[in-house]
Amino acid sequence: MVVVVIAGGSWLLLRGSGKNAPLPGQIVTSFLPGEFQTVPNACAAVPPAMLDQYLPWKRTKVVPNSLDGRSDSLCDWTLDARPLYRLLDVEAQAYAPNGLASGNGSATFAAIDAYRQAVAEKVNPPKASHLPKATVTTMRGLGSAAFSAFQMSTAGGDSTDLLTMVVRDRNVLITVVLEGLDHSSTGGYGPVSAGQLKIGALTAARDILAKVK
């Protein structure tokens, strides 16, 4: 196998099995051992038991299209049955090597950059999101790195609690968003437990993480 790397501003061709670690200063352009090129189907990775517990009764499933083939999978479920309104969004994405990424440009470093960006967008949300700054908590013992972020937004008399869980496992990023309507100006919805949202998002993240291989 031929691997192309950049070292000292020059293009080099290295022949080998692809199982050796890159040398210092090399930019990686192929997947390294232990990195993932595909992710599990997000809809299938979340078991019915989890959905029945946190989005009980009749719910609607939507499968957004992915432009990245099997390296990215998304799934959404919505429950709208007063007094409960819940929205669960899950995504699993395997990052590829990227010369613009930090470190040696490997797929793992690309995922690390995406993880850091996800934290930054919760600490300082883009103005267009109209979301407040999140309370961010580092999660231990979950993948290579993980955090949860809690936000409460109010608009038009409606109050919504939003719990985001992001887990990185090497070059795979798992994002779970569980949203609940805490109060509605039209009445009949809420309240929602922030603790329950966090447990639900954590459960879904663990379910997906267990399928990554």
Protein backbone atom coordinates (compact mmCIF):
# COMPACT_ATOMS: atom_id res chain seq x y z
CA MET A 1 0.00 0.00 0.00
CA VAL A 2 1.23 3.49 -0.84
CA VAL A 3 0.67 6.25 1.69
CA VAL A 4 1.18 9.91 0.81
CA VAL A 5 2.49 12.20 3.54
CA ILE A 6 3.81 15.75 3.70
CA ALA A 7 7.09 16.31 5.51
CA GLY A 8 9.10 19.48 5.44
CA GLY A 9 6.93 20.91 2.68
CA SER A 10 7.63 18.02 0.29
CA TRP A 11 5.40 15.19 -0.86
CA LEU A 12 6.71 11.75 0.00
CA LEU A 13 5.53 8.29 -0.96
CA LEU A 14 5.82 5.67 1.75
CA ARG A 15 5.26 2.01 1.07
CA GLY A 16 4.09 -0.28 3.83
CA SER A 17 1.21 -2.11 5.40
CA GLY A 18 -0.38 1.05 6.81
CA LYS A 19 -0.09 -0.35 10.34
CA ASN A 20 2.88 1.74 11.43
CA ALA A 21 2.45 4.97 13.37
CA PRO A 22 3.32 8.15 11.44
CA LEU A 23 6.69 9.73 12.02
CA PRO A 24 6.90 13.12 13.76
CA GLY A 25 6.11 15.97 11.37
CA GLN A 26 4.23 13.79 8.90
CA ILE A 27 0.72 14.66 7.78
CA VAL A 28 -1.46 11.56 7.72
CA THR A 29 -3.65 11.02 4.67
CA SER A 30 -5.00 7.54 5.40
CA PHE A 31 -6.87 5.95 8.28
CA LEU A 32 -4.65 4.70 11.09
CA PRO A 33 -5.08 1.38 12.95
CA GLY A 34 -8.03 1.53 15.33
CA GLU A 35 -9.78 4.33 13.47
CA PHE A 36 -13.26 3.82 12.01
CA GLN A 37 -14.40 4.40 8.45
CA THR A 38 -18.07 3.60 9.07
CA VAL A 39 -20.55 4.12 11.89
CA PRO A 40 -23.56 2.08 13.04
CA ASN A 41 -27.03 2.90 11.81
CA ALA A 42 -28.20 5.53 14.29
CA CYS A 43 -31.86 4.47 14.16
CA ALA A 44 -31.04 0.82 14.83
CA ALA A 45 -28.44 1.62 17.52
CA VAL A 46 -31.02 3.15 19.88
CA PRO A 47 -33.11 0.25 21.23
CA PRO A 48 -36.91 0.37 21.54
CA ALA A 49 -36.64 -0.03 25.33
CA MET A 50 -34.82 3.31 25.59
CA LEU A 51 -37.36 5.02 23.36
CA ASP A 52 -40.29 3.54 25.28
CA GLN A 53 -38.87 4.89 28.53
CA TYR A 54 -38.02 8.43 27.45
CA LEU A 55 -40.40 8.95 24.52
CA PRO A 56 -43.37 6.76 25.53
CA TRP A 57 -46.50 6.23 23.46
CA LYS A 58 -46.81 7.14 19.83
CA ARG A 59 -43.74 8.84 18.38
CA THR A 60 -42.67 9.88 14.90
CA LYS A 61 -39.34 8.85 13.40
CA VAL A 62 -37.48 10.82 10.74
CA VAL A 63 -34.28 9.68 9.04
CA PRO A 64 -32.41 12.72 7.66
CA ASN A 65 -30.36 12.10 4.54
CA SER A 66 -26.60 11.94 4.95
CA LEU A 67 -24.22 13.09 2.23
CA ASP A 68 -21.33 11.11 3.68
CA GLY A 69 -22.50 7.56 3.09
CA ARG A 70 -21.79 5.09 5.87
CA SER A 71 -19.44 7.46 7.68
CA ASP A 72 -22.38 9.50 9.00
CA SER A 73 -25.77 8.37 10.30
CA LEU A 74 -28.63 10.43 11.75
CA CYS A 75 -32.03 9.68 13.25
CA ASP A 76 -34.75 11.80 14.91
CA TRP A 77 -37.76 10.86 17.04
CA THR A 78 -40.55 13.22 18.14
CA LEU A 79 -43.21 12.66 20.78
CA ASP A 80 -46.05 15.18 20.92
CA ALA A 81 -48.65 13.96 23.41
CA ARG A 82 -49.70 16.42 26.10
CA PRO A 83 -48.30 16.92 28.65
CA LEU A 84 -45.15 15.50 27.03
CA TYR A 85 -43.22 16.96 24.15
CA ARG A 86 -39.86 15.29 23.49
CA LEU A 87 -37.44 15.49 20.59
CA LEU A 88 -34.50 13.11 20.35
CA ASP A 89 -31.80 13.71 17.72
CA VAL A 90 -28.85 11.35 17.38
CA GLU A 91 -25.89 11.37 15.04
CA ALA A 92 -22.77 9.25 14.69
CA GLN A 93 -20.01 10.51 12.42
CA ALA A 94 -16.64 9.01 11.55
CA TYR A 95 -14.12 11.68 10.60
CA ALA A 96 -11.57 11.16 7.85
CA PRO A 97 -7.95 12.36 7.74
CA ASN A 98 -7.80 16.07 6.99
CA GLY A 99 -4.71 18.11 6.20
CA LEU A 100 -6.35 21.12 7.85
CA ALA A 101 -6.83 19.30 11.15
CA SER A 102 -4.56 19.87 14.12
CA GLY A 103 -1.76 17.50 15.12
CA ASN A 104 -0.77 15.17 12.29
CA GLY A 105 -4.03 15.63 10.39
CA SER A 106 -5.25 12.12 11.21
CA ALA A 107 -8.90 11.17 11.41
CA THR A 108 -8.64 11.15 15.20
CA PHE A 109 -7.27 14.69 15.28
CA ALA A 110 -10.08 15.78 12.93
CA ALA A 111 -12.58 14.37 15.45
CA ILE A 112 -10.75 16.06 18.33
CA ASP A 113 -11.09 19.39 16.53
CA ALA A 114 -14.81 18.77 15.97
CA TYR A 115 -15.23 17.87 19.64
CA ARG A 116 -13.51 21.08 20.74
CA GLN A 117 -15.69 23.07 18.35
CA ALA A 118 -18.80 21.45 19.83
CA VAL A 119 -17.71 22.51 23.33
CA ALA A 120 -16.99 26.06 22.14
CA GLU A 121 -20.42 26.37 20.52
CA LYS A 122 -22.09 25.40 23.79
CA VAL A 123 -20.00 27.76 25.90
CA ASN A 124 -20.54 30.61 23.42
CA PRO A 125 -23.50 29.72 21.16
CA PRO A 126 -23.69 31.39 17.73
CA LYS A 127 -26.04 34.39 17.76
CA ALA A 128 -28.13 32.79 15.03
CA SER A 129 -29.00 29.89 17.35
CA HIS A 130 -30.77 32.21 19.83
CA LEU A 131 -29.67 29.85 22.60
CA PRO A 132 -28.18 30.85 25.96
CA LYS A 133 -24.76 29.75 27.16
CA ALA A 134 -24.83 26.16 28.29
CA THR A 135 -23.82 24.60 31.55
CA VAL A 136 -21.11 22.21 30.35
CA THR A 137 -20.07 19.16 32.36
CA THR A 138 -17.21 16.80 31.53
CA MET A 139 -18.29 13.16 31.54
CA ARG A 140 -15.82 10.53 32.77
CA GLY A 141 -15.50 6.94 31.61
CA LEU A 142 -17.34 7.45 28.33
CA GLY A 143 -15.35 6.94 25.14
CA SER A 144 -12.13 8.90 24.66
CA ALA A 145 -13.80 12.13 25.82
CA ALA A 146 -17.34 13.26 26.55
CA PHE A 147 -19.34 16.20 27.82
CA SER A 148 -22.95 17.15 28.50
CA ALA A 149 -24.43 20.61 28.00
CA PHE A 150 -27.69 21.92 29.45
CA GLN A 151 -29.54 24.92 28.04
CA MET A 152 -32.90 26.47 28.82
CA SER A 153 -34.40 28.70 26.18
CA THR A 154 -37.50 30.88 26.31
CA ALA A 155 -39.29 32.24 23.25
CA GLY A 156 -42.84 33.42 22.71
CA GLY A 157 -43.92 32.26 26.14
CA ASP A 158 -42.56 28.74 25.59
CA SER A 159 -39.77 27.36 27.79
CA THR A 160 -37.65 24.51 26.44
CA ASP A 161 -34.96 22.43 28.15
CA LEU A 162 -32.20 21.15 25.89
CA LEU A 163 -29.67 18.50 26.88
CA THR A 164 -26.78 17.73 24.53
CA MET A 165 -24.40 14.82 25.02
CA VAL A 166 -21.26 14.59 22.84
CA VAL A 167 -18.97 11.55 22.99
CA ARG A 168 -15.75 11.03 21.05
CA ASP A 169 -14.40 7.53 20.51
CA ARG A 170 -11.14 7.90 18.58
CA ASN A 171 -12.27 9.43 15.25
CA VAL A 172 -16.01 8.95 15.82
CA LEU A 173 -18.19 11.68 17.27
CA ILE A 174 -21.58 10.76 18.75
CA THR A 175 -24.02 13.61 19.35
CA VAL A 176 -27.30 13.12 21.22
CA VAL A 177 -29.78 15.94 21.78
CA LEU A 178 -32.83 15.35 23.98
CA GLU A 179 -35.26 18.25 24.17
CA GLY A 180 -38.35 18.73 26.32
CA LEU A 181 -41.00 21.44 26.39
CA ASP A 182 -41.10 22.64 29.99
CA HIS A 183 -43.87 25.21 29.59
CA SER A 184 -46.05 26.29 26.68
CA SER A 185 -47.98 29.51 26.29
CA THR A 186 -50.83 27.45 24.84
CA GLY A 187 -50.89 25.30 27.97
CA GLY A 188 -51.00 21.58 28.49
CA TYR A 189 -47.25 20.86 28.25
CA GLY A 190 -44.61 20.32 30.92
CA PRO A 191 -42.94 20.32 33.26
CA VAL A 192 -39.81 18.44 32.21
CA SER A 193 -37.06 17.06 34.41
CA ALA A 194 -33.57 18.22 33.39
CA GLY A 195 -32.13 15.22 35.23
CA GLN A 196 -34.30 12.84 33.25
CA LEU A 197 -33.21 14.47 29.98
CA LYS A 198 -29.57 13.98 30.96
CA ILE A 199 -30.07 10.32 31.85
CA GLY A 200 -31.98 9.74 28.63
CA ALA A 201 -29.30 11.38 26.48
CA LEU A 202 -26.59 9.44 28.30
CA THR A 203 -28.45 6.18 27.76
CA ALA A 204 -28.78 6.81 24.02
CA ALA A 205 -25.12 7.82 23.75
CA ARG A 206 -24.02 4.62 25.48
CA ASP A 207 -26.27 2.53 23.23
CA ILE A 208 -24.69 4.03 20.11
CA LEU A 209 -21.16 3.85 21.51
CA ALA A 210 -21.61 0.14 22.17
CA LYS A 211 -22.31 -0.38 18.45
CA VAL A 212 -19.20 1.43 17.23
CA LYS A 213 -16.69 -1.16 16.00
